């Protein structure tokens, strides 16, 4: 995997989710490494808008041709928006993992100390 596929402006979880926080709202998705490991994504079960999520708990479920995987929330918060386009085109995550976000959360607490910057995530891989 090339280093250019890991954006420097995001933070990463050990379980391969990414998070970008702007003005108290966190955009969340899965990393390019995760989508590559999953293979062809065919369905994303999105959370409900208004749902409260906890850091480290299930946020969404991704179904790929060969497997099903949970997406874990990298932060505590309330789901304020979901990427509804994934309902019709789940494979958008395969084409652009960092553009194919899953949900946006209004943060309700501090970010986890487990989050990594791009360099630390690269080192984990």
N, C-alpha and C. Protein backbone atom coordinates (compact mmCIF):
# COMPACT_ATOMS: atom_id res chain seq x y z
N UNK A 1 0.86 -1.18 0.00
CA UNK A 1 0.00 0.00 0.00
C UNK A 1 0.89 1.24 0.00
N UNK A 2 0.57 2.19 -0.82
CA UNK A 2 1.38 3.40 -0.86
C UNK A 2 0.98 4.35 0.25
N UNK A 3 1.95 5.09 0.76
CA UNK A 3 1.70 6.05 1.83
C UNK A 3 0.74 7.15 1.39
N UNK A 4 0.68 7.42 0.09
CA UNK A 4 -0.17 8.51 -0.40
C UNK A 4 -1.65 8.20 -0.19
N UNK A 5 -1.98 6.94 0.08
CA UNK A 5 -3.38 6.58 0.29
C UNK A 5 -3.87 6.86 1.70
N UNK A 6 -3.00 7.35 2.58
CA UNK A 6 -3.39 7.62 3.97
C UNK A 6 -3.33 9.13 4.18
N UNK A 7 -4.48 9.80 4.09
CA UNK A 7 -4.49 11.26 4.24
C UNK A 7 -3.94 11.71 5.59
N UNK A 8 -3.14 12.78 5.55
CA UNK A 8 -2.51 13.32 6.75
C UNK A 8 -3.49 14.08 7.64
N UNK A 9 -4.62 14.53 7.08
CA UNK A 9 -5.53 15.40 7.84
C UNK A 9 -6.61 14.64 8.61
N UNK A 10 -6.50 13.31 8.66
CA UNK A 10 -7.48 12.49 9.37
C UNK A 10 -6.81 11.83 10.57
N UNK A 11 -7.65 11.28 11.45
CA UNK A 11 -7.16 10.44 12.55
C UNK A 11 -7.74 9.05 12.34
N UNK A 12 -7.06 8.05 12.90
CA UNK A 12 -7.38 6.66 12.61
C UNK A 12 -7.52 5.84 13.89
N UNK A 13 -8.39 4.80 13.81
CA UNK A 13 -8.54 3.88 14.93
C UNK A 13 -7.74 2.62 14.65
N UNK A 14 -7.42 1.84 15.70
CA UNK A 14 -6.75 0.56 15.49
C UNK A 14 -7.60 -0.41 14.65
N UNK A 15 -8.93 -0.21 14.62
CA UNK A 15 -9.83 -1.09 13.86
C UNK A 15 -10.14 -0.55 12.47
N UNK A 16 -9.34 0.40 11.98
CA UNK A 16 -9.35 0.88 10.59
C UNK A 16 -10.52 1.79 10.22
N UNK A 17 -11.02 2.57 11.17
CA UNK A 17 -11.94 3.65 10.84
C UNK A 17 -11.14 4.95 10.78
N UNK A 18 -11.65 5.93 10.03
CA UNK A 18 -11.04 7.26 10.04
C UNK A 18 -12.07 8.26 10.54
N UNK A 19 -11.56 9.38 11.07
CA UNK A 19 -12.42 10.43 11.60
C UNK A 19 -11.78 11.78 11.27
N UNK A 20 -12.64 12.71 10.88
CA UNK A 20 -12.21 14.10 10.65
C UNK A 20 -13.18 14.99 11.39
N UNK A 21 -12.67 15.81 12.29
CA UNK A 21 -13.52 16.68 13.11
C UNK A 21 -13.42 18.11 12.62
N UNK A 22 -14.59 18.71 12.38
CA UNK A 22 -14.68 20.12 11.99
C UNK A 22 -15.84 20.74 12.74
N UNK A 23 -15.55 21.76 13.55
CA UNK A 23 -16.58 22.49 14.28
C UNK A 23 -17.47 21.58 15.12
N UNK A 24 -16.87 20.62 15.81
CA UNK A 24 -17.62 19.74 16.70
C UNK A 24 -18.39 18.62 16.02
N UNK A 25 -18.25 18.51 14.69
CA UNK A 25 -18.90 17.43 13.95
C UNK A 25 -17.82 16.54 13.34
N UNK A 26 -17.96 15.25 13.58
CA UNK A 26 -16.98 14.28 13.09
C UNK A 26 -17.54 13.51 11.91
N UNK A 27 -16.80 13.50 10.81
CA UNK A 27 -17.12 12.66 9.66
C UNK A 27 -16.35 11.36 9.84
N UNK A 28 -17.05 10.22 9.62
CA UNK A 28 -16.47 8.91 9.90
C UNK A 28 -16.60 8.00 8.68
N UNK A 29 -15.55 7.22 8.44
CA UNK A 29 -15.57 6.23 7.37
C UNK A 29 -14.59 5.12 7.70
N UNK A 30 -14.35 4.25 6.72
CA UNK A 30 -13.34 3.20 6.89
C UNK A 30 -12.15 3.52 6.00
N UNK A 31 -11.00 3.01 6.39
CA UNK A 31 -9.77 3.31 5.66
C UNK A 31 -9.68 2.52 4.36
N UNK A 32 -8.76 2.97 3.51
CA UNK A 32 -8.50 2.26 2.27
C UNK A 32 -8.04 0.84 2.56
N UNK A 33 -7.23 0.68 3.59
CA UNK A 33 -6.78 -0.66 3.99
C UNK A 33 -7.98 -1.56 4.31
N UNK A 34 -8.95 -1.01 5.06
CA UNK A 34 -10.13 -1.80 5.44
C UNK A 34 -10.95 -2.19 4.23
N UNK A 35 -11.19 -1.24 3.31
CA UNK A 35 -12.00 -1.59 2.14
C UNK A 35 -11.28 -2.61 1.28
N UNK A 36 -9.95 -2.51 1.22
CA UNK A 36 -9.18 -3.47 0.43
C UNK A 36 -9.28 -4.87 1.05
N UNK A 37 -9.21 -4.95 2.37
CA UNK A 37 -9.33 -6.24 3.06
C UNK A 37 -10.73 -6.84 2.90
N UNK A 38 -11.76 -6.00 2.90
CA UNK A 38 -13.13 -6.48 2.77
C UNK A 38 -13.43 -6.99 1.36
N UNK A 39 -12.85 -6.36 0.37
CA UNK A 39 -13.15 -6.72 -1.01
C UNK A 39 -14.37 -5.94 -1.50
N UNK A 40 -15.10 -6.51 -2.46
CA UNK A 40 -16.21 -5.81 -3.09
C UNK A 40 -17.36 -5.58 -2.12
N UNK A 41 -17.58 -4.31 -1.77
CA UNK A 41 -18.64 -3.94 -0.84
C UNK A 41 -19.97 -3.88 -1.60
N UNK A 42 -20.98 -4.58 -1.07
CA UNK A 42 -22.28 -4.65 -1.76
C UNK A 42 -23.40 -3.94 -0.99
N UNK A 43 -23.21 -3.71 0.32
CA UNK A 43 -24.28 -3.10 1.11
C UNK A 43 -23.69 -2.46 2.36
N UNK A 44 -24.24 -1.29 2.73
CA UNK A 44 -23.85 -0.65 3.99
C UNK A 44 -25.12 -0.40 4.78
N UNK A 45 -25.18 -0.98 5.98
CA UNK A 45 -26.30 -0.72 6.88
C UNK A 45 -25.92 0.51 7.69
N UNK A 46 -26.57 1.63 7.37
CA UNK A 46 -26.25 2.91 7.99
C UNK A 46 -26.96 3.06 9.33
N UNK A 47 -26.40 3.87 10.23
CA UNK A 47 -27.09 4.15 11.48
C UNK A 47 -28.28 5.09 11.22
N UNK A 48 -29.13 5.25 12.21
CA UNK A 48 -30.27 6.16 12.11
C UNK A 48 -29.85 7.56 12.51
N UNK A 49 -30.32 8.58 11.77
CA UNK A 49 -30.09 9.96 12.20
C UNK A 49 -30.79 10.14 13.55
N UNK A 50 -30.09 10.75 14.50
CA UNK A 50 -30.63 10.93 15.85
C UNK A 50 -30.15 9.87 16.82
N UNK A 51 -29.59 8.79 16.29
CA UNK A 51 -29.08 7.70 17.14
C UNK A 51 -27.85 8.19 17.90
N UNK A 52 -27.76 7.80 19.18
CA UNK A 52 -26.58 8.10 20.00
C UNK A 52 -25.62 6.92 19.88
N UNK A 53 -24.35 7.23 19.66
CA UNK A 53 -23.34 6.17 19.53
C UNK A 53 -22.23 6.40 20.54
N UNK A 54 -21.59 5.30 20.93
CA UNK A 54 -20.48 5.35 21.88
C UNK A 54 -19.19 4.95 21.19
N UNK A 55 -18.12 5.59 21.59
CA UNK A 55 -16.81 5.26 21.05
C UNK A 55 -16.54 3.77 21.27
N UNK A 56 -16.10 3.08 20.21
CA UNK A 56 -15.77 1.66 20.30
C UNK A 56 -16.95 0.72 20.09
N UNK A 57 -18.16 1.27 19.99
CA UNK A 57 -19.36 0.44 19.77
C UNK A 57 -19.75 0.51 18.29
N UNK A 58 -20.63 -0.39 17.88
CA UNK A 58 -21.04 -0.47 16.49
C UNK A 58 -21.72 0.79 15.99
N UNK A 59 -21.31 1.25 14.82
CA UNK A 59 -21.89 2.42 14.17
C UNK A 59 -22.66 2.00 12.91
N UNK A 60 -22.06 1.09 12.15
CA UNK A 60 -22.65 0.64 10.89
C UNK A 60 -22.16 -0.78 10.62
N UNK A 61 -22.77 -1.41 9.61
CA UNK A 61 -22.34 -2.74 9.18
C UNK A 61 -22.10 -2.70 7.69
N UNK A 62 -20.99 -3.26 7.27
CA UNK A 62 -20.65 -3.32 5.85
C UNK A 62 -20.69 -4.77 5.41
N UNK A 63 -21.45 -5.01 4.34
CA UNK A 63 -21.49 -6.35 3.75
C UNK A 63 -20.68 -6.33 2.46
N UNK A 64 -19.74 -7.25 2.38
CA UNK A 64 -18.96 -7.43 1.17
C UNK A 64 -19.30 -8.81 0.60
N UNK A 65 -18.81 -9.09 -0.58
CA UNK A 65 -19.13 -10.36 -1.23
C UNK A 65 -18.74 -11.54 -0.34
N UNK A 66 -17.59 -11.43 0.35
CA UNK A 66 -17.07 -12.56 1.12
C UNK A 66 -17.32 -12.49 2.61
N UNK A 67 -17.72 -11.32 3.14
CA UNK A 67 -17.79 -11.18 4.60
C UNK A 67 -18.71 -10.03 5.01
N UNK A 68 -18.97 -9.96 6.30
CA UNK A 68 -19.70 -8.85 6.90
C UNK A 68 -18.82 -8.29 8.00
N UNK A 69 -18.73 -6.96 8.09
CA UNK A 69 -17.87 -6.33 9.09
C UNK A 69 -18.60 -5.19 9.77
N UNK A 70 -18.33 -5.05 11.07
CA UNK A 70 -18.87 -3.91 11.81
C UNK A 70 -17.94 -2.73 11.65
N UNK A 71 -18.54 -1.54 11.64
CA UNK A 71 -17.79 -0.30 11.67
C UNK A 71 -18.01 0.27 13.07
N UNK A 72 -16.93 0.55 13.78
CA UNK A 72 -17.02 1.02 15.15
C UNK A 72 -16.88 2.53 15.21
N UNK A 73 -17.66 3.14 16.07
CA UNK A 73 -17.60 4.59 16.20
C UNK A 73 -16.29 5.00 16.86
N UNK A 74 -15.57 5.95 16.26
CA UNK A 74 -14.33 6.42 16.87
C UNK A 74 -14.55 7.49 17.94
N UNK A 75 -15.83 7.84 18.19
CA UNK A 75 -16.11 8.89 19.17
C UNK A 75 -17.53 8.73 19.70
N UNK A 76 -17.79 9.37 20.85
CA UNK A 76 -19.15 9.46 21.38
C UNK A 76 -19.88 10.59 20.67
N UNK A 77 -21.15 10.37 20.35
CA UNK A 77 -21.90 11.46 19.74
C UNK A 77 -23.26 11.03 19.25
N UNK A 78 -23.90 11.96 18.54
CA UNK A 78 -25.21 11.72 17.96
C UNK A 78 -25.08 11.77 16.45
N UNK A 79 -25.66 10.80 15.77
CA UNK A 79 -25.63 10.77 14.31
C UNK A 79 -26.50 11.92 13.80
N UNK A 80 -25.87 12.85 13.06
CA UNK A 80 -26.60 13.99 12.53
C UNK A 80 -26.81 13.91 11.02
N UNK A 81 -26.06 13.01 10.37
CA UNK A 81 -26.21 12.83 8.93
C UNK A 81 -25.62 11.48 8.56
N UNK A 82 -26.21 10.83 7.55
CA UNK A 82 -25.64 9.61 7.00
C UNK A 82 -25.44 9.81 5.50
N UNK A 83 -24.53 9.05 4.94
CA UNK A 83 -24.26 9.13 3.51
C UNK A 83 -25.27 8.26 2.77
N UNK A 84 -26.45 8.83 2.51
CA UNK A 84 -27.55 8.08 1.90
C UNK A 84 -27.19 7.55 0.51
N UNK A 85 -26.22 8.17 -0.15
CA UNK A 85 -25.81 7.70 -1.48
C UNK A 85 -25.28 6.27 -1.44
N UNK A 86 -24.80 5.83 -0.27
CA UNK A 86 -24.28 4.47 -0.15
C UNK A 86 -25.38 3.42 -0.29
N UNK A 87 -26.63 3.80 -0.05
CA UNK A 87 -27.74 2.86 -0.21
C UNK A 87 -27.83 2.37 -1.64
N UNK A 88 -27.55 3.25 -2.59
CA UNK A 88 -27.61 2.89 -4.01
C UNK A 88 -26.25 2.50 -4.58
N UNK A 89 -25.18 2.89 -3.90
CA UNK A 89 -23.84 2.68 -4.43
C UNK A 89 -22.84 2.41 -3.30
N UNK A 90 -22.99 1.27 -2.65
CA UNK A 90 -22.09 0.91 -1.54
C UNK A 90 -20.64 0.80 -2.01
N UNK A 91 -20.44 0.45 -3.29
CA UNK A 91 -19.10 0.29 -3.83
C UNK A 91 -18.34 1.61 -3.92
N UNK A 92 -19.01 2.73 -3.65
CA UNK A 92 -18.31 4.02 -3.62
C UNK A 92 -17.17 3.98 -2.62
N UNK A 93 -17.34 3.20 -1.54
CA UNK A 93 -16.27 3.06 -0.54
C UNK A 93 -15.07 2.35 -1.14
N UNK A 94 -15.30 1.37 -2.02
CA UNK A 94 -14.18 0.69 -2.68
C UNK A 94 -13.42 1.65 -3.60
N UNK A 95 -14.15 2.52 -4.27
CA UNK A 95 -13.51 3.45 -5.21
C UNK A 95 -12.77 4.57 -4.50
N UNK A 96 -13.31 5.05 -3.37
CA UNK A 96 -12.70 6.16 -2.65
C UNK A 96 -13.07 6.07 -1.18
N UNK A 97 -12.27 5.32 -0.42
CA UNK A 97 -12.58 5.09 0.99
C UNK A 97 -12.63 6.38 1.80
N UNK A 98 -11.85 7.37 1.39
CA UNK A 98 -11.82 8.62 2.16
C UNK A 98 -12.85 9.62 1.70
N UNK A 99 -13.48 9.37 0.56
CA UNK A 99 -14.59 10.20 0.09
C UNK A 99 -15.92 9.54 0.38
N UNK A 100 -15.90 8.22 0.53
CA UNK A 100 -17.11 7.45 0.79
C UNK A 100 -17.40 7.35 2.27
N UNK A 101 -17.59 8.49 2.90
CA UNK A 101 -17.86 8.54 4.34
C UNK A 101 -19.18 7.82 4.66
N UNK A 102 -19.35 7.46 5.91
CA UNK A 102 -20.52 6.68 6.34
C UNK A 102 -21.50 7.54 7.14
N UNK A 103 -20.99 8.27 8.12
CA UNK A 103 -21.88 9.06 8.98
C UNK A 103 -21.15 10.28 9.51
N UNK A 104 -21.95 11.25 9.95
CA UNK A 104 -21.42 12.43 10.63
C UNK A 104 -22.02 12.45 12.03
N UNK A 105 -21.15 12.72 13.01
CA UNK A 105 -21.55 12.70 14.41
C UNK A 105 -21.34 14.07 15.04
N UNK A 106 -22.33 14.52 15.80
CA UNK A 106 -22.13 15.69 16.65
C UNK A 106 -21.50 15.15 17.92
N UNK A 107 -20.27 15.55 18.18
CA UNK A 107 -19.51 14.98 19.29
C UNK A 107 -20.12 15.36 20.64
N UNK A 108 -20.09 14.39 21.57
CA UNK A 108 -20.63 14.63 22.91
C UNK A 108 -19.58 14.43 23.98
N UNK A 109 -18.34 14.23 23.57
CA UNK A 109 -17.26 14.03 24.54
C UNK A 109 -15.93 14.18 23.85
N UNK A 110 -14.85 14.02 24.61
CA UNK A 110 -13.51 14.14 24.03
C UNK A 110 -13.21 12.96 23.11
N UNK A 111 -12.29 13.17 22.19
CA UNK A 111 -11.86 12.09 21.30
C UNK A 111 -11.04 11.08 22.08
N UNK A 112 -11.08 9.85 21.62
CA UNK A 112 -10.34 8.76 22.25
C UNK A 112 -8.84 8.99 22.16
N UNK A 113 -8.14 8.61 23.21
CA UNK A 113 -6.68 8.69 23.20
C UNK A 113 -6.09 7.60 22.29
N UNK A 114 -6.92 6.66 21.84
CA UNK A 114 -6.43 5.59 20.96
C UNK A 114 -6.30 6.04 19.51
N UNK A 115 -6.87 7.21 19.17
CA UNK A 115 -6.79 7.68 17.79
C UNK A 115 -5.34 7.95 17.41
N UNK A 116 -5.02 7.62 16.16
CA UNK A 116 -3.65 7.77 15.66
C UNK A 116 -3.61 8.79 14.54
N UNK A 117 -2.47 9.45 14.40
CA UNK A 117 -2.27 10.29 13.23
C UNK A 117 -1.85 9.37 12.07
N UNK A 118 -1.68 9.97 10.89
CA UNK A 118 -1.36 9.17 9.71
C UNK A 118 -0.07 8.37 9.88
N UNK A 119 0.95 8.98 10.47
CA UNK A 119 2.23 8.29 10.63
C UNK A 119 2.10 7.06 11.54
N UNK A 120 1.35 7.21 12.64
CA UNK A 120 1.17 6.09 13.56
C UNK A 120 0.33 4.99 12.90
N UNK A 121 -0.67 5.40 12.12
CA UNK A 121 -1.50 4.40 11.43
C UNK A 121 -0.67 3.63 10.41
N UNK A 122 0.17 4.34 9.66
CA UNK A 122 1.05 3.69 8.69
C UNK A 122 1.94 2.67 9.40
N UNK A 123 2.44 3.06 10.57
CA UNK A 123 3.31 2.16 11.33
C UNK A 123 2.55 0.92 11.80
N UNK A 124 1.27 1.07 12.13
CA UNK A 124 0.46 -0.07 12.56
C UNK A 124 0.27 -1.06 11.41
N UNK A 125 0.12 -0.53 10.20
CA UNK A 125 -0.12 -1.40 9.05
C UNK A 125 1.14 -2.19 8.72
